[in-house]
Amino acid sequence: MRNYVVENLIEIQRLRQDIKVREVLSLQMPLLNEWSKIDAKKLRSVEQANSKTPCFVCPITPRTWCHDRYGVDT
C-alpha cells in the first residue's frame, strides 16, 4: 500500500511539473517564433553585406591565431 501511495505522489509531482513547463512554453512560443523571423531577416542582411564587403573570419581555436595574424582577439 505504501509503494502505491509513493508512486501516485511521484506521478502527481510529474504531472504538476509538466503543467508548469507547458504554461511557460505557451507564453514563450509566440516570442520565439517572432525571434526566428527577425533572425532570418538579420541573416539575410548579413549575407548581403558580406557579398558586397570583403571580410575575414577568425577561427575560434586556437585563440592566438587571429591575434598573431591580424592583431585581433577572438
N, C-alpha and C. Protein backbone atom coordinates (compact mmCIF):
# COMPACT_ATOMS: atom_id res chain seq x y z
N MET A 1 0.82 -1.19 0.00
CA MET A 1 0.00 0.00 0.00
C MET A 1 0.86 1.26 0.00
N ARG A 2 1.95 1.21 0.78
CA ARG A 2 2.82 2.36 0.89
C ARG A 2 3.47 2.70 -0.46
N ASN A 3 3.92 1.68 -1.19
CA ASN A 3 4.52 1.90 -2.50
C ASN A 3 3.52 2.53 -3.47
N TYR A 4 2.30 2.12 -3.38
CA TYR A 4 1.25 2.66 -4.24
C TYR A 4 1.09 4.16 -4.00
N VAL A 5 1.09 4.55 -2.74
CA VAL A 5 0.94 5.97 -2.39
C VAL A 5 2.14 6.76 -2.89
N VAL A 6 3.33 6.25 -2.70
CA VAL A 6 4.54 6.93 -3.15
C VAL A 6 4.54 7.06 -4.68
N GLU A 7 4.17 6.00 -5.37
CA GLU A 7 4.11 6.05 -6.83
C GLU A 7 3.10 7.10 -7.31
N ASN A 8 1.98 7.17 -6.64
CA ASN A 8 0.97 8.17 -7.02
C ASN A 8 1.47 9.59 -6.75
N LEU A 9 2.16 9.78 -5.64
CA LEU A 9 2.71 11.11 -5.33
C LEU A 9 3.75 11.53 -6.37
N ILE A 10 4.57 10.58 -6.77
CA ILE A 10 5.57 10.86 -7.80
C ILE A 10 4.88 11.22 -9.12
N GLU A 11 3.86 10.50 -9.47
CA GLU A 11 3.12 10.77 -10.72
C GLU A 11 2.45 12.15 -10.66
N ILE A 12 1.88 12.49 -9.52
CA ILE A 12 1.25 13.82 -9.36
C ILE A 12 2.31 14.92 -9.50
N GLN A 13 3.46 14.71 -8.90
CA GLN A 13 4.53 15.70 -9.00
C GLN A 13 4.98 15.86 -10.45
N ARG A 14 5.10 14.77 -11.17
CA ARG A 14 5.50 14.81 -12.57
C ARG A 14 4.47 15.56 -13.40
N LEU A 15 3.20 15.30 -13.15
CA LEU A 15 2.14 15.98 -13.88
C LEU A 15 2.11 17.48 -13.58
N ARG A 16 2.35 17.85 -12.34
CA ARG A 16 2.41 19.27 -11.98
C ARG A 16 3.57 19.97 -12.69
N GLN A 17 4.71 19.29 -12.73
CA GLN A 17 5.87 19.86 -13.42
C GLN A 17 5.60 19.99 -14.92
N ASP A 18 4.93 19.01 -15.47
CA ASP A 18 4.57 19.05 -16.89
C ASP A 18 3.65 20.24 -17.17
N ILE A 19 2.70 20.49 -16.29
CA ILE A 19 1.79 21.63 -16.45
C ILE A 19 2.58 22.94 -16.39
N LYS A 20 3.51 23.05 -15.46
CA LYS A 20 4.32 24.27 -15.34
C LYS A 20 5.13 24.51 -16.62
N VAL A 21 5.74 23.46 -17.13
CA VAL A 21 6.54 23.60 -18.36
C VAL A 21 5.65 24.04 -19.52
N ARG A 22 4.49 23.45 -19.65
CA ARG A 22 3.57 23.82 -20.72
C ARG A 22 3.11 25.28 -20.59
N GLU A 23 2.87 25.73 -19.36
CA GLU A 23 2.47 27.12 -19.15
C GLU A 23 3.57 28.08 -19.59
N VAL A 24 4.80 27.79 -19.20
CA VAL A 24 5.93 28.65 -19.57
C VAL A 24 6.12 28.64 -21.09
N LEU A 25 6.10 27.48 -21.68
CA LEU A 25 6.31 27.38 -23.13
C LEU A 25 5.19 28.06 -23.90
N SER A 26 3.98 27.95 -23.42
CA SER A 26 2.86 28.57 -24.15
C SER A 26 3.01 30.09 -24.18
N LEU A 27 3.61 30.66 -23.14
CA LEU A 27 3.85 32.10 -23.11
C LEU A 27 5.06 32.49 -23.97
N GLN A 28 6.04 31.61 -24.07
CA GLN A 28 7.27 31.94 -24.78
C GLN A 28 7.23 31.63 -26.27
N MET A 29 6.41 30.70 -26.71
CA MET A 29 6.41 30.28 -28.11
C MET A 29 6.14 31.42 -29.09
N PRO A 30 5.16 32.29 -28.85
CA PRO A 30 4.98 33.40 -29.80
C PRO A 30 6.22 34.28 -29.91
N LEU A 31 6.90 34.51 -28.79
CA LEU A 31 8.11 35.31 -28.81
C LEU A 31 9.23 34.61 -29.57
N LEU A 32 9.37 33.31 -29.37
CA LEU A 32 10.40 32.55 -30.08
C LEU A 32 10.12 32.51 -31.57
N ASN A 33 8.86 32.39 -31.95
CA ASN A 33 8.51 32.40 -33.37
C ASN A 33 8.84 33.75 -34.00
N GLU A 34 8.54 34.83 -33.30
CA GLU A 34 8.88 36.16 -33.80
C GLU A 34 10.38 36.35 -33.90
N TRP A 35 11.09 35.83 -32.91
CA TRP A 35 12.54 35.94 -32.90
C TRP A 35 13.14 35.22 -34.11
N SER A 36 12.61 34.06 -34.45
CA SER A 36 13.15 33.32 -35.59
C SER A 36 12.93 34.09 -36.89
N LYS A 37 11.81 34.80 -37.01
CA LYS A 37 11.57 35.63 -38.20
C LYS A 37 12.58 36.77 -38.27
N ILE A 38 12.80 37.43 -37.14
CA ILE A 38 13.76 38.53 -37.09
C ILE A 38 15.17 38.01 -37.37
N ASP A 39 15.50 36.87 -36.81
CA ASP A 39 16.82 36.29 -37.01
C ASP A 39 17.05 35.96 -38.49
N ALA A 40 16.03 35.46 -39.17
CA ALA A 40 16.16 35.14 -40.59
C ALA A 40 16.40 36.42 -41.40
N LYS A 41 15.69 37.50 -41.06
CA LYS A 41 15.91 38.77 -41.75
C LYS A 41 17.32 39.28 -41.50
N LYS A 42 17.78 39.16 -40.27
CA LYS A 42 19.12 39.62 -39.93
C LYS A 42 20.17 38.81 -40.70
N LEU A 43 19.97 37.51 -40.80
CA LEU A 43 20.91 36.66 -41.53
C LEU A 43 20.97 37.06 -42.99
N ARG A 44 19.82 37.34 -43.60
CA ARG A 44 19.82 37.78 -45.00
C ARG A 44 20.58 39.09 -45.16
N SER A 45 20.40 40.00 -44.21
CA SER A 45 21.11 41.29 -44.27
C SER A 45 22.62 41.08 -44.17
N VAL A 46 23.04 40.22 -43.28
CA VAL A 46 24.47 39.94 -43.11
C VAL A 46 25.02 39.28 -44.37
N GLU A 47 24.27 38.36 -44.95
CA GLU A 47 24.73 37.71 -46.17
C GLU A 47 24.88 38.72 -47.31
N GLN A 48 23.93 39.65 -47.43
CA GLN A 48 24.02 40.67 -48.46
C GLN A 48 25.21 41.58 -48.22
N ALA A 49 25.43 41.96 -46.97
CA ALA A 49 26.57 42.82 -46.64
C ALA A 49 27.88 42.11 -46.93
N ASN A 50 27.94 40.82 -46.62
CA ASN A 50 29.15 40.05 -46.87
C ASN A 50 29.44 39.91 -48.35
N SER A 51 28.41 39.84 -49.15
CA SER A 51 28.63 39.69 -50.58
C SER A 51 29.16 40.99 -51.19
N LYS A 52 28.92 42.13 -50.53
CA LYS A 52 29.36 43.42 -51.03
C LYS A 52 30.65 43.89 -50.38
N THR A 53 30.96 43.38 -49.21
CA THR A 53 32.11 43.84 -48.44
C THR A 53 33.02 42.66 -48.16
N PRO A 54 34.29 42.77 -48.51
CA PRO A 54 35.20 41.67 -48.16
C PRO A 54 35.42 41.62 -46.65
N CYS A 55 35.50 40.44 -46.13
CA CYS A 55 35.75 40.28 -44.71
C CYS A 55 36.51 38.99 -44.48
N PHE A 56 37.03 38.83 -43.29
CA PHE A 56 37.71 37.59 -42.94
C PHE A 56 37.07 37.02 -41.70
N VAL A 57 37.21 35.73 -41.53
CA VAL A 57 36.65 35.04 -40.38
C VAL A 57 37.80 34.44 -39.60
N CYS A 58 37.82 34.74 -38.32
CA CYS A 58 38.85 34.16 -37.44
C CYS A 58 38.32 32.87 -36.85
N PRO A 59 39.10 31.82 -36.88
CA PRO A 59 38.66 30.59 -36.22
C PRO A 59 38.61 30.80 -34.72
N ILE A 60 37.74 30.08 -34.06
CA ILE A 60 37.59 30.22 -32.61
C ILE A 60 38.80 29.65 -31.89
N THR A 61 39.35 28.57 -32.42
CA THR A 61 40.53 27.98 -31.79
C THR A 61 41.60 27.79 -32.85
N PRO A 62 42.83 27.89 -32.59
CA PRO A 62 43.40 28.36 -31.35
C PRO A 62 43.20 29.86 -31.19
N ARG A 63 43.11 30.29 -29.97
CA ARG A 63 42.78 31.68 -29.67
C ARG A 63 43.80 32.65 -30.23
N THR A 64 45.06 32.31 -30.25
CA THR A 64 46.10 33.26 -30.63
C THR A 64 46.23 33.42 -32.13
N TRP A 65 45.61 32.58 -32.93
CA TRP A 65 45.79 32.64 -34.38
C TRP A 65 45.41 34.00 -34.94
N CYS A 66 44.26 34.54 -34.61
CA CYS A 66 43.83 35.85 -35.12
C CYS A 66 44.71 36.96 -34.57
N HIS A 67 45.07 36.84 -33.31
CA HIS A 67 45.89 37.90 -32.72
C HIS A 67 47.25 37.95 -33.39
N ASP A 68 47.86 36.78 -33.61
CA ASP A 68 49.17 36.73 -34.24
C ASP A 68 49.11 37.23 -35.68
N ARG A 69 48.07 36.87 -36.38
CA ARG A 69 48.00 37.18 -37.80
C ARG A 69 47.45 38.59 -38.07
N TYR A 70 46.43 39.00 -37.32
CA TYR A 70 45.76 40.27 -37.61
C TYR A 70 45.79 41.25 -36.44
N GLY A 71 46.29 40.84 -35.29
CA GLY A 71 46.26 41.73 -34.13
C GLY A 71 44.87 41.84 -33.52
N VAL A 72 44.04 40.79 -33.74
CA VAL A 72 42.65 40.80 -33.28
C VAL A 72 42.46 39.68 -32.29
N ASP A 73 41.84 40.01 -31.15
CA ASP A 73 41.48 38.96 -30.18
C ASP A 73 40.14 38.40 -30.55
N THR A 74 40.01 37.09 -30.42
CA THR A 74 38.71 36.46 -30.71
C THR A 74 37.90 36.36 -29.47
